[in-house]
Structures are given as C-alpha cells and as structure tokens.
C-alpha cells in the first residue's frame, strides 16, 4: 500500500525572525523505528535522528519505508543544520524513487538554508512538476526565495498561487501581509 499522507506540512524556523520553510514529512508503515523517525520529522521540535538511523540499519525495512525514512531523517538534519547530510538523504531517497516530490522540495529547503537560492528555486519548481503532495507548500517556498532575492512581485505571485491552492494556508497569508506592509512604506 502506497501511503503518501504527508499529514500536515512540517515547519521549522530558519533562525530568529527568519521565515519558516514548509517541509513535508512522509508517513511510514510497519517498522516502529521508521514510525518514530516520522514523528520526529513531523514534530516542529524533533531533532533526534537515532530512530531514523536504527530504521535504516534494519534489513527488514521495505524500499518504500526506506525512501520515506530517508526523507524524514533529512528533514531532521535540516532542522539540525546538517545540510550536507540532509542533501545526501534526499538524494538517496531519489535514487530509490526519482519521482518523489517530497524529497525534492525538502532538498530545496537544504539549498535555501545554505543560501543557494537558485538551486532551491530549481528544486521547488521540479517538485511541482513531479506532483508534490502539497503544491501550496512548494509555492510558499518559491515565494520565500523570491523574497530573499528582493523580487517582491514574484514573491507575491507565488504566495497568491499557494493561497489559491490552499486558501487557509496561514504562512502564505502572513508573508503577503508583510509584503503589503513593506509596499506601504
């Protein structure tokens, strides 16, 4: 059974008053360590990769759970600012399933955190082409990149696209308000 219920976007704070980038944890089936890894990734404050490490060391972990556990561990590594390890995990997940949009959007977050805005933007757009499960999160992240590049018009367009897909997405609403306040100055 293929379960991609990325139950809620996982958010993490980039630092201080920086905007939050939307992450996407993926649900695992079976192995309790893989499930514990998912819970760490899903939590806004989860930082422990040990359950992920144990799950990935298991020979009985299915390929499906292996790719999802790699994505979830990468999310935690992003949160821990171990960006190189996160990118390695997202790439490993993509070697198992090259169409895994959640791995691509989260790899984009690694690039965003590292200040590689063009690579982040490319990953976010690629995730949309792959049919990522929560496209509004990818559009939100695209908006963050454009904001970081001081391209407010493009950022506004991206946030509006996010809200068109998910009218209740509060993060995008907040970023639009911020842009509006800056425009009024």
N, C-alpha and C. Protein backbone atom coordinates (compact mmCIF):
# COMPACT_ATOMS: atom_id res chain seq x y z
N UNK A 1 0.84 -1.19 0.00
CA UNK A 1 0.00 0.00 0.00
C UNK A 1 0.88 1.24 0.00
N UNK A 2 0.64 2.12 -0.91
CA UNK A 2 1.44 3.34 -1.01
C UNK A 2 0.73 4.45 -0.26
N UNK A 3 1.32 4.86 0.84
CA UNK A 3 0.69 5.88 1.67
C UNK A 3 1.55 7.12 1.67
N UNK A 4 1.05 8.17 1.03
CA UNK A 4 1.79 9.43 0.97
C UNK A 4 1.05 10.51 1.73
N UNK A 5 0.38 10.15 2.77
CA UNK A 5 -0.33 11.15 3.55
C UNK A 5 0.68 11.96 4.34
N UNK A 6 1.23 12.94 3.72
CA UNK A 6 2.19 13.82 4.39
C UNK A 6 1.39 14.71 5.32
N UNK A 7 0.91 14.12 6.41
CA UNK A 7 -0.08 14.74 7.29
C UNK A 7 0.41 16.07 7.83
N UNK A 8 0.11 17.11 7.12
CA UNK A 8 0.46 18.44 7.57
C UNK A 8 1.88 18.81 7.17
N UNK A 9 2.05 19.99 6.73
CA UNK A 9 3.39 20.44 6.41
C UNK A 9 4.19 20.57 7.68
N UNK A 10 5.40 20.13 7.63
CA UNK A 10 6.29 20.27 8.76
C UNK A 10 7.03 21.58 8.60
N UNK A 11 7.03 22.35 9.64
CA UNK A 11 7.67 23.65 9.57
C UNK A 11 8.85 23.69 10.52
N UNK A 12 9.83 24.43 10.16
CA UNK A 12 10.92 24.66 11.08
C UNK A 12 11.39 26.08 10.91
N UNK A 13 11.88 26.66 11.98
CA UNK A 13 12.32 28.04 11.95
C UNK A 13 13.75 28.08 11.45
N UNK A 14 14.00 28.94 10.48
CA UNK A 14 15.32 29.02 9.89
C UNK A 14 16.31 29.69 10.84
N UNK A 15 15.93 30.58 11.64
CA UNK A 15 16.71 31.27 12.68
C UNK A 15 16.04 32.59 12.98
N UNK A 16 15.96 32.92 14.23
CA UNK A 16 15.43 34.20 14.67
C UNK A 16 14.12 34.54 14.01
N UNK A 17 14.06 35.71 13.40
CA UNK A 17 12.82 36.19 12.78
C UNK A 17 12.72 35.77 11.32
N UNK A 18 13.57 34.85 10.90
CA UNK A 18 13.52 34.40 9.51
C UNK A 18 12.21 33.68 9.24
N UNK A 19 11.80 33.65 7.99
CA UNK A 19 10.56 32.96 7.65
C UNK A 19 10.73 31.46 7.81
N UNK A 20 9.62 30.77 7.96
CA UNK A 20 9.64 29.31 8.06
C UNK A 20 9.46 28.73 6.67
N UNK A 21 10.23 27.69 6.34
CA UNK A 21 10.08 26.99 5.07
C UNK A 21 9.25 25.75 5.31
N UNK A 22 8.36 25.46 4.41
CA UNK A 22 7.49 24.31 4.58
C UNK A 22 8.23 23.03 4.21
N UNK A 23 8.24 22.08 5.12
CA UNK A 23 8.84 20.76 4.92
C UNK A 23 7.69 19.76 4.79
N UNK A 24 7.98 18.60 4.23
CA UNK A 24 6.95 17.59 4.05
C UNK A 24 7.44 16.24 4.52
N UNK A 25 7.03 15.85 5.73
CA UNK A 25 7.34 14.52 6.22
C UNK A 25 6.44 13.53 5.51
N UNK A 26 6.91 12.30 5.41
CA UNK A 26 6.10 11.27 4.75
C UNK A 26 5.87 10.11 5.70
N UNK A 27 4.64 9.65 5.74
CA UNK A 27 4.23 8.59 6.63
C UNK A 27 4.88 7.27 6.25
N UNK A 28 5.31 6.53 7.27
CA UNK A 28 5.87 5.21 7.04
C UNK A 28 4.91 4.16 7.59
N UNK A 29 5.02 2.99 7.06
CA UNK A 29 4.20 1.87 7.52
C UNK A 29 5.11 0.83 8.14
N UNK A 30 4.62 0.11 9.11
CA UNK A 30 5.40 -1.01 9.63
C UNK A 30 6.35 -0.63 10.73
N UNK A 31 7.63 -0.71 10.46
CA UNK A 31 8.69 -0.65 11.46
C UNK A 31 8.50 0.48 12.46
N UNK A 32 8.62 0.16 13.75
CA UNK A 32 8.39 1.15 14.79
C UNK A 32 9.45 2.24 14.78
N UNK A 33 10.71 1.92 14.47
CA UNK A 33 11.73 2.96 14.39
C UNK A 33 11.44 3.92 13.24
N UNK A 34 10.96 3.41 12.12
CA UNK A 34 10.60 4.28 11.00
C UNK A 34 9.44 5.19 11.39
N UNK A 35 8.48 4.65 12.13
CA UNK A 35 7.36 5.47 12.60
C UNK A 35 7.84 6.53 13.59
N UNK A 36 8.77 6.18 14.46
CA UNK A 36 9.33 7.14 15.42
C UNK A 36 10.11 8.22 14.67
N UNK A 37 10.79 7.86 13.61
CA UNK A 37 11.51 8.82 12.78
C UNK A 37 10.51 9.81 12.16
N UNK A 38 9.42 9.28 11.64
CA UNK A 38 8.37 10.13 11.06
C UNK A 38 7.85 11.12 12.11
N UNK A 39 7.62 10.64 13.32
CA UNK A 39 7.11 11.51 14.38
C UNK A 39 8.12 12.61 14.71
N UNK A 40 9.41 12.29 14.70
CA UNK A 40 10.44 13.31 14.92
C UNK A 40 10.41 14.35 13.81
N UNK A 41 10.27 13.90 12.57
CA UNK A 41 10.24 14.81 11.43
C UNK A 41 8.97 15.66 11.45
N UNK A 42 7.88 15.06 11.86
CA UNK A 42 6.58 15.73 11.87
C UNK A 42 6.48 16.78 12.97
N UNK A 43 7.19 16.56 14.06
CA UNK A 43 7.17 17.50 15.18
C UNK A 43 7.96 18.75 14.80
N UNK A 44 7.48 19.89 15.20
CA UNK A 44 8.20 21.13 14.93
C UNK A 44 9.54 21.19 15.65
N UNK A 45 9.70 20.36 16.68
CA UNK A 45 10.90 20.44 17.51
C UNK A 45 11.73 19.16 17.50
N UNK A 46 11.32 18.14 16.75
CA UNK A 46 12.06 16.87 16.71
C UNK A 46 13.45 17.06 16.14
N UNK A 47 14.46 16.57 16.86
CA UNK A 47 15.85 16.71 16.42
C UNK A 47 16.63 15.41 16.49
N UNK A 48 16.00 14.35 16.95
CA UNK A 48 16.70 13.08 17.18
C UNK A 48 16.64 12.20 15.93
N UNK A 49 17.80 11.95 15.33
CA UNK A 49 17.86 11.08 14.15
C UNK A 49 18.05 9.61 14.51
N UNK A 50 18.24 9.30 15.79
CA UNK A 50 18.53 7.92 16.19
C UNK A 50 17.46 6.92 15.73
N UNK A 51 16.16 7.23 15.87
CA UNK A 51 15.17 6.27 15.36
C UNK A 51 15.30 6.05 13.85
N UNK A 52 15.63 7.09 13.13
CA UNK A 52 15.81 7.00 11.68
C UNK A 52 17.02 6.12 11.37
N UNK A 53 18.11 6.34 12.10
CA UNK A 53 19.32 5.56 11.89
C UNK A 53 19.06 4.08 12.14
N UNK A 54 18.33 3.78 13.23
CA UNK A 54 18.01 2.38 13.55
C UNK A 54 17.12 1.77 12.46
N UNK A 55 16.12 2.53 12.01
CA UNK A 55 15.23 2.02 10.97
C UNK A 55 16.00 1.73 9.69
N UNK A 56 16.88 2.66 9.30
CA UNK A 56 17.64 2.47 8.05
C UNK A 56 18.65 1.35 8.14
N UNK A 57 19.08 1.01 9.36
CA UNK A 57 20.01 -0.10 9.55
C UNK A 57 19.30 -1.46 9.48
N UNK A 58 17.99 -1.44 9.55
CA UNK A 58 17.21 -2.68 9.54
C UNK A 58 17.14 -3.29 8.13
N UNK A 59 17.46 -4.56 8.04
CA UNK A 59 17.38 -5.24 6.74
C UNK A 59 15.94 -5.52 6.35
N UNK A 60 15.04 -5.47 7.32
CA UNK A 60 13.63 -5.78 7.02
C UNK A 60 12.82 -4.56 6.58
N UNK A 61 13.44 -3.39 6.54
CA UNK A 61 12.74 -2.18 6.12
C UNK A 61 12.43 -2.26 4.62
N UNK A 62 11.18 -2.07 4.27
CA UNK A 62 10.80 -2.12 2.86
C UNK A 62 11.42 -0.93 2.12
N UNK A 63 11.53 -1.05 0.80
CA UNK A 63 12.08 0.05 0.00
C UNK A 63 11.22 1.31 0.13
N UNK A 64 9.92 1.11 0.21
CA UNK A 64 9.02 2.25 0.37
C UNK A 64 9.28 2.98 1.68
N UNK A 65 9.38 2.21 2.78
CA UNK A 65 9.66 2.84 4.06
C UNK A 65 11.08 3.38 4.11
N UNK A 66 12.00 2.76 3.41
CA UNK A 66 13.39 3.24 3.39
C UNK A 66 13.44 4.65 2.76
N UNK A 67 12.78 4.84 1.61
CA UNK A 67 12.83 6.16 0.97
C UNK A 67 12.13 7.19 1.83
N UNK A 68 11.02 6.83 2.45
CA UNK A 68 10.31 7.78 3.31
C UNK A 68 11.12 8.11 4.56
N UNK A 69 11.80 7.11 5.12
CA UNK A 69 12.63 7.35 6.30
C UNK A 69 13.82 8.23 5.95
N UNK A 70 14.38 8.06 4.77
CA UNK A 70 15.47 8.95 4.33
C UNK A 70 14.99 10.40 4.24
N UNK A 71 13.80 10.61 3.70
CA UNK A 71 13.25 11.97 3.62
C UNK A 71 13.03 12.52 5.02
N UNK A 72 12.46 11.72 5.90
CA UNK A 72 12.19 12.19 7.25
C UNK A 72 13.48 12.50 8.01
N UNK A 73 14.50 11.66 7.85
CA UNK A 73 15.78 11.95 8.51
C UNK A 73 16.39 13.23 7.92
N UNK A 74 16.24 13.42 6.62
CA UNK A 74 16.75 14.65 6.01
C UNK A 74 16.08 15.90 6.58
N UNK A 75 14.80 15.82 6.85
CA UNK A 75 14.09 16.95 7.47
C UNK A 75 14.70 17.26 8.84
N UNK A 76 14.95 16.22 9.61
CA UNK A 76 15.55 16.43 10.94
C UNK A 76 16.96 16.99 10.79
N UNK A 77 17.72 16.49 9.82
CA UNK A 77 19.07 17.01 9.60
C UNK A 77 19.03 18.47 9.17
N UNK A 78 18.05 18.85 8.36
CA UNK A 78 17.90 20.28 8.03
C UNK A 78 17.68 21.08 9.32
N UNK A 79 16.79 20.58 10.16
CA UNK A 79 16.48 21.27 11.41
C UNK A 79 17.73 21.39 12.29
N UNK A 80 18.60 20.37 12.22
CA UNK A 80 19.85 20.37 13.00
C UNK A 80 20.97 21.11 12.28
N UNK A 81 20.68 21.68 11.12
CA UNK A 81 21.64 22.42 10.29
C UNK A 81 22.77 21.54 9.75
N UNK A 82 22.51 20.25 9.61
CA UNK A 82 23.46 19.33 8.97
C UNK A 82 23.01 19.18 7.52
N UNK A 83 23.23 20.25 6.76
CA UNK A 83 22.66 20.36 5.42
C UNK A 83 23.26 19.37 4.43
N UNK A 84 24.55 19.09 4.54
CA UNK A 84 25.18 18.13 3.63
C UNK A 84 24.58 16.74 3.83
N UNK A 85 24.39 16.35 5.09
CA UNK A 85 23.80 15.04 5.37
C UNK A 85 22.34 14.99 4.88
N UNK A 86 21.63 16.10 5.05
CA UNK A 86 20.24 16.15 4.59
C UNK A 86 20.17 15.95 3.08
N UNK A 87 21.02 16.65 2.35
CA UNK A 87 21.03 16.52 0.89
C UNK A 87 21.38 15.09 0.49
N UNK A 88 22.33 14.47 1.18
CA UNK A 88 22.68 13.08 0.90
C UNK A 88 21.46 12.18 1.07
N UNK A 89 20.69 12.40 2.14
CA UNK A 89 19.50 11.57 2.38
C UNK A 89 18.43 11.81 1.32
N UNK A 90 18.20 13.06 0.96
CA UNK A 90 17.19 13.34 -0.08
C UNK A 90 17.62 12.71 -1.41
N UNK A 91 18.91 12.81 -1.73
CA UNK A 91 19.41 12.21 -2.97
C UNK A 91 19.30 10.68 -2.93
N UNK A 92 19.56 10.09 -1.76
CA UNK A 92 19.43 8.63 -1.62
C UNK A 92 17.97 8.21 -1.82
N UNK A 93 17.04 8.97 -1.28
CA UNK A 93 15.62 8.68 -1.48
C UNK A 93 15.26 8.78 -2.95
N UNK A 94 15.83 9.77 -3.63
CA UNK A 94 15.55 9.94 -5.05
C UNK A 94 16.18 8.84 -5.90
N UNK A 95 17.25 8.22 -5.44
CA UNK A 95 17.81 7.06 -6.17
C UNK A 95 16.86 5.87 -6.08
N UNK A 96 16.08 5.80 -5.02
CA UNK A 96 15.07 4.75 -4.88
C UNK A 96 13.84 5.09 -5.71
N UNK A 97 13.44 6.36 -5.69
CA UNK A 97 12.23 6.80 -6.40
C UNK A 97 12.48 8.21 -6.94
N UNK A 98 12.84 8.29 -8.20
CA UNK A 98 13.19 9.58 -8.80
C UNK A 98 12.00 10.53 -8.92
N UNK A 99 10.81 10.04 -8.70
CA UNK A 99 9.61 10.87 -8.80
C UNK A 99 9.10 11.34 -7.45
N UNK A 100 9.91 11.24 -6.42
CA UNK A 100 9.48 11.57 -5.06
C UNK A 100 9.59 13.08 -4.82
N UNK A 101 8.51 13.78 -5.10
CA UNK A 101 8.49 15.23 -4.99
C UNK A 101 8.82 15.76 -3.61
N UNK A 102 8.44 15.02 -2.56
CA UNK A 102 8.73 15.46 -1.20
C UNK A 102 10.23 15.51 -0.94
N UNK A 103 10.99 14.58 -1.52
CA UNK A 103 12.44 14.61 -1.37
C UNK A 103 13.01 15.84 -2.07
N UNK A 104 12.45 16.18 -3.22
CA UNK A 104 12.96 17.32 -3.99
C UNK A 104 12.64 18.64 -3.29
N UNK A 105 11.43 18.81 -2.79
CA UNK A 105 11.08 20.06 -2.11
C UNK A 105 11.91 20.23 -0.84
N UNK A 106 12.12 19.14 -0.11
CA UNK A 106 12.92 19.23 1.11
C UNK A 106 14.40 19.46 0.80
N UNK A 107 14.89 18.90 -0.30
CA UNK A 107 16.26 19.20 -0.72
C UNK A 107 16.38 20.69 -1.07
N UNK A 108 15.32 21.23 -1.67
CA UNK A 108 15.29 22.66 -1.92
C UNK A 108 15.43 23.46 -0.64
N UNK A 109 14.81 22.97 0.44
CA UNK A 109 14.95 23.65 1.72
C UNK A 109 16.39 23.64 2.21
N UNK A 110 17.11 22.54 1.96
CA UNK A 110 18.54 22.48 2.33
C UNK A 110 19.30 23.57 1.57
N UNK A 111 19.03 23.68 0.28
CA UNK A 111 19.70 24.71 -0.52
C UNK A 111 19.32 26.11 -0.04
N UNK A 112 18.05 26.30 0.30
CA UNK A 112 17.60 27.59 0.80
C UNK A 112 18.34 27.96 2.07
N UNK A 113 18.44 27.01 2.99
CA UNK A 113 19.15 27.25 4.25
C UNK A 113 20.62 27.57 4.03
N UNK A 114 21.20 26.99 2.99
CA UNK A 114 22.62 27.22 2.67
C UNK A 114 22.82 28.50 1.87
N UNK A 115 21.72 29.17 1.52
CA UNK A 115 21.83 30.40 0.75
C UNK A 115 21.99 30.19 -0.75
N UNK A 116 21.79 28.95 -1.20
CA UNK A 116 21.87 28.64 -2.63
C UNK A 116 20.47 28.80 -3.23
N UNK A 117 20.08 30.04 -3.42
CA UNK A 117 18.70 30.36 -3.78
C UNK A 117 18.30 29.83 -5.15
N UNK A 118 19.19 29.89 -6.12
CA UNK A 118 18.85 29.39 -7.45
C UNK A 118 18.63 27.88 -7.44
N UNK A 119 19.44 27.15 -6.68
CA UNK A 119 19.25 25.70 -6.58
C UNK A 119 17.96 25.38 -5.84
N UNK A 120 17.67 26.16 -4.79
CA UNK A 120 16.42 25.96 -4.06
C UNK A 120 15.23 26.16 -4.99
N UNK A 121 15.26 27.26 -5.74
CA UNK A 121 14.17 27.57 -6.67
C UNK A 121 13.99 26.45 -7.69
N UNK A 122 15.09 25.95 -8.23
CA UNK A 122 15.02 24.86 -9.21
C UNK A 122 14.38 23.62 -8.59
N UNK A 123 14.75 23.30 -7.36
CA UNK A 123 14.16 22.13 -6.70
C UNK A 123 12.67 22.33 -6.43
N UNK A 124 12.28 23.50 -5.97
CA UNK A 124 10.86 23.74 -5.70
C UNK A 124 10.03 23.62 -6.97
N UNK A 125 10.54 24.16 -8.06
CA UNK A 125 9.82 24.05 -9.34
C UNK A 125 9.78 22.61 -9.83
N UNK A 126 10.88 21.88 -9.65
CA UNK A 126 10.91 20.47 -10.05
C UNK A 126 9.92 19.66 -9.23
N UNK A 127 9.80 19.96 -7.94
CA UNK A 127 8.85 19.26 -7.08
C UNK A 127 7.42 19.47 -7.59
N UNK A 128 7.12 20.68 -8.04
CA UNK A 128 5.79 20.94 -8.60
C UNK A 128 5.56 20.10 -9.85
N UNK A 129 6.58 20.00 -10.70
CA UNK A 129 6.44 19.20 -11.92
C UNK A 129 6.25 17.72 -11.60
N UNK A 130 6.83 17.27 -10.48
CA UNK A 130 6.68 15.86 -10.08
C UNK A 130 5.33 15.59 -9.43
N UNK A 131 4.59 16.64 -9.12
CA UNK A 131 3.29 16.44 -8.49
C UNK A 131 3.40 16.26 -6.99
N UNK A 132 4.18 17.10 -6.34
CA UNK A 132 4.33 17.03 -4.89
C UNK A 132 2.96 17.05 -4.23
N UNK A 133 2.83 16.36 -3.11
CA UNK A 133 1.51 16.17 -2.48
C UNK A 133 0.89 17.48 -1.97
N UNK A 134 1.70 18.44 -1.62
CA UNK A 134 1.19 19.72 -1.14
C UNK A 134 1.82 20.85 -1.94
N UNK A 135 1.29 21.09 -3.13
CA UNK A 135 1.90 22.10 -4.01
C UNK A 135 1.90 23.50 -3.40
N UNK A 136 0.95 23.80 -2.54
CA UNK A 136 0.93 25.13 -1.92
C UNK A 136 2.18 25.36 -1.08
N UNK A 137 2.73 24.31 -0.47
CA UNK A 137 3.96 24.46 0.31
C UNK A 137 5.13 24.78 -0.61
N UNK A 138 5.18 24.14 -1.78
CA UNK A 138 6.25 24.44 -2.74
C UNK A 138 6.13 25.88 -3.23
N UNK A 139 4.90 26.33 -3.52
CA UNK A 139 4.71 27.72 -3.96
C UNK A 139 5.10 28.70 -2.86
N UNK A 140 4.77 28.37 -1.63
CA UNK A 140 5.18 29.20 -0.50
C UNK A 140 6.70 29.32 -0.44
N UNK A 141 7.39 28.19 -0.58
CA UNK A 141 8.85 28.20 -0.55
C UNK A 141 9.42 28.99 -1.72
N UNK A 142 8.79 28.91 -2.88
CA UNK A 142 9.20 29.72 -4.03
C UNK A 142 9.08 31.20 -3.66
N UNK A 143 8.00 31.55 -2.99
CA UNK A 143 7.83 32.93 -2.55
C UNK A 143 8.95 33.37 -1.62
N UNK A 144 9.37 32.48 -0.72
CA UNK A 144 10.47 32.81 0.19
C UNK A 144 11.76 33.10 -0.59
N UNK A 145 12.00 32.30 -1.62
CA UNK A 145 13.21 32.52 -2.43
C UNK A 145 13.14 33.88 -3.10
N UNK A 146 12.00 34.19 -3.71
CA UNK A 146 11.87 35.47 -4.38
C UNK A 146 11.98 36.64 -3.38
N UNK A 147 11.44 36.45 -2.20
CA UNK A 147 11.58 37.50 -1.18
C UNK A 147 13.06 37.68 -0.83
N UNK A 148 13.77 36.58 -0.66
CA UNK A 148 15.19 36.65 -0.32
C UNK A 148 15.99 37.32 -1.44
N UNK A 149 15.50 37.19 -2.67
CA UNK A 149 16.16 37.82 -3.82
C UNK A 149 15.66 39.25 -4.04
N UNK A 150 14.80 39.73 -3.15
CA UNK A 150 14.23 41.08 -3.25
C UNK A 150 13.36 41.25 -4.49
N UNK A 151 12.70 40.19 -4.91
CA UNK A 151 11.79 40.23 -6.04
C UNK A 151 10.37 40.10 -5.50
N UNK A 152 9.89 41.19 -4.92
CA UNK A 152 8.61 41.17 -4.20
C UNK A 152 7.43 40.81 -5.09
N UNK A 153 7.42 41.27 -6.31
CA UNK A 153 6.30 40.98 -7.21
C UNK A 153 6.19 39.47 -7.46
N UNK A 154 7.33 38.85 -7.72
CA UNK A 154 7.33 37.40 -7.95
C UNK A 154 6.97 36.65 -6.66
N UNK A 155 7.44 37.18 -5.52
CA UNK A 155 7.10 36.56 -4.23
C UNK A 155 5.60 36.62 -4.01
N UNK A 156 5.03 37.80 -4.26
CA UNK A 156 3.57 37.96 -4.10
C UNK A 156 2.82 36.97 -4.98
N UNK A 157 3.23 36.83 -6.23
CA UNK A 157 2.58 35.89 -7.14
C UNK A 157 2.65 34.46 -6.60
N UNK A 158 3.81 34.09 -6.07
CA UNK A 158 3.97 32.73 -5.55
C UNK A 158 3.08 32.51 -4.33
N UNK A 159 3.02 33.47 -3.41
CA UNK A 159 2.16 33.33 -2.23
C UNK A 159 0.69 33.27 -2.64
N UNK A 160 0.32 34.07 -3.63
CA UNK A 160 -1.06 34.04 -4.11
C UNK A 160 -1.40 32.68 -4.73
N UNK A 161 -0.44 32.09 -5.44
CA UNK A 161 -0.67 30.75 -6.01
C UNK A 161 -0.83 29.72 -4.89
N UNK A 162 -0.02 29.87 -3.84
CA UNK A 162 -0.15 28.97 -2.68
C UNK A 162 -1.55 29.08 -2.08
N UNK A 163 -2.03 30.31 -1.94
CA UNK A 163 -3.34 30.52 -1.34
C UNK A 163 -4.48 30.09 -2.26
N UNK A 164 -4.26 30.16 -3.55
CA UNK A 164 -5.29 29.67 -4.48
C UNK A 164 -5.47 28.16 -4.30
N UNK A 165 -4.36 27.46 -4.03
CA UNK A 165 -4.41 26.01 -3.83
C UNK A 165 -4.88 25.63 -2.42
N UNK A 166 -4.57 26.49 -1.45
CA UNK A 166 -4.97 26.24 -0.06
C UNK A 166 -5.30 27.58 0.58
N UNK A 167 -6.56 28.01 0.49
CA UNK A 167 -6.96 29.32 1.00
C UNK A 167 -6.74 29.52 2.51
N UNK A 168 -6.56 28.43 3.23
CA UNK A 168 -6.37 28.51 4.68
C UNK A 168 -4.90 28.49 5.10
N UNK A 169 -3.99 28.59 4.16
CA UNK A 169 -2.55 28.47 4.45
C UNK A 169 -2.06 29.77 5.09
N UNK A 170 -2.01 29.78 6.41
CA UNK A 170 -1.71 30.99 7.18
C UNK A 170 -0.33 31.55 6.92
N UNK A 171 0.66 30.70 6.69
CA UNK A 171 2.01 31.20 6.44
C UNK A 171 2.06 32.10 5.20
N UNK A 172 1.37 31.69 4.15
CA UNK A 172 1.34 32.49 2.92
C UNK A 172 0.59 33.80 3.16
N UNK A 173 -0.49 33.74 3.93
CA UNK A 173 -1.23 34.96 4.26
C UNK A 173 -0.33 35.94 5.00
N UNK A 174 0.45 35.42 5.95
CA UNK A 174 1.33 36.28 6.74
C UNK A 174 2.42 36.91 5.87
N UNK A 175 2.97 36.15 4.93
CA UNK A 175 4.02 36.70 4.06
C UNK A 175 3.43 37.78 3.14
N UNK A 176 2.22 37.57 2.65
CA UNK A 176 1.56 38.59 1.82
C UNK A 176 1.35 39.88 2.62
N UNK A 177 0.92 39.74 3.88
CA UNK A 177 0.73 40.93 4.73
C UNK A 177 2.06 41.66 4.90
N UNK A 178 3.14 40.92 5.07
CA UNK A 178 4.47 41.52 5.24
C UNK A 178 4.85 42.30 3.98
N UNK A 179 4.63 41.70 2.83
CA UNK A 179 4.93 42.39 1.56
C UNK A 179 4.09 43.65 1.44
N UNK A 180 2.81 43.57 1.80
CA UNK A 180 1.93 44.74 1.73
C UNK A 180 2.42 45.85 2.64
N UNK A 181 2.85 45.49 3.84
CA UNK A 181 3.36 46.49 4.78
C UNK A 181 4.62 47.16 4.23
N UNK A 182 5.47 46.39 3.60
CA UNK A 182 6.69 46.95 3.02
C UNK A 182 6.38 47.86 1.85
N UNK A 183 5.33 47.53 1.11
CA UNK A 183 4.94 48.34 -0.05
C UNK A 183 4.36 49.69 0.39
N UNK A 184 3.76 49.72 1.57
CA UNK A 184 3.14 50.94 2.07
C UNK A 184 4.17 51.95 2.58
N UNK A 185 5.39 51.53 2.73
CA UNK A 185 6.42 52.43 3.28
C UNK A 185 6.94 53.38 2.26
